[in-house]
Amino acid sequence: MNPEPALPPILKHLTVSNLLMIVAAVVAARLMAAGIKKSFGLVAQASPAHWRIRLLAWMPIARLGVVLATVAFIISLLIVPTWQNMVGLAAGAGLVLSFALKDYGSCLLAGLAAIFERTYQPGDWIEIGGAYGEVRSVGLRAVRLVTLEDTEVIIPHSAIWTSPVFNATSGNHTVLCVTEFFLHPDHDGLLAQARLQGIATTSPFWLTDSSVVVGVEEHPWGTKYKVLAYARDSREQKKFTTDLTLRGKAVFRELGIKTAQASLAVTR
């Protein structure tokens, strides 16, 4: 009888030099990823607002490229590069991610989908699960937000499978801001609307030549005004709404227009 052919080896013989190369590759990858994050951040800060978002959009892709290159290099040192071994490795990794690391694997897959579909990118202002803030970094496992109160929120990418993602900027450097005013019903509505529109267009934080809409809703407790205007830079949105609020209060005080009573101002 003919002897059965021997199966090709799967793992390479691990030597001290190979082990040192693996450690060096991991350290170099971490340094490169940190360097990419730092350099992109510095260049983006020194660039105009419309270029800042475009530059930051490439940061997660560059970091992903470093990770994939490092993983491929380490695999080449450990695995004999044959077709059978690659298929077996992919199948084994899929089983591990599916069972032992199901949640982590879900985060990784969602992270890859978010990066390539650009669901969100650094510089975007998004809301996930009630948390609203600026995307500072997009990792393989989670996205990091910084809220308007300067609080960092870390959200696993797997949240996009079950929660809607509200993206207020979608790669743009401007953002639509909404400022509300609640006034007593006995006043000149056309005058109030015109003055609010003038306040928005004269704000130093307003995006020049963009549209300003002043919506009006009548309620039993009074009149609700909603000013919709674009801030020139998404990072100045809180300054913009604060400026509109303070200047609006001053104008209404000059016009003798009272605010709605707090006990009656109950909105649905």
Foldseek 3Di string as FASTA:
>chain_A
DDDDDDDDDWWDDDDPVLVVVLVVLVVVLVVVLVVLLVVLVVVLVVDDLLVNLVSQLCSQVVNVVSVVVSVVVNSVNTTDDDPVNVVVVVVVVVVCCVPVVVLQSLLQVLLVCCSVVVPDTAQWWKDAPRATAGFSHRYSFWTWGQHPVRDIDTGGSSSVVPTPMGTQASSGFKGKAKAKFAFAAPDDPVVLQVVLLVQLQPDPQFQPPWDWDWDWDADPQHIMIIIIGMGNGPNCRVVSNVSSVVVSVVVCVVVVIGGTDPVPPDDD
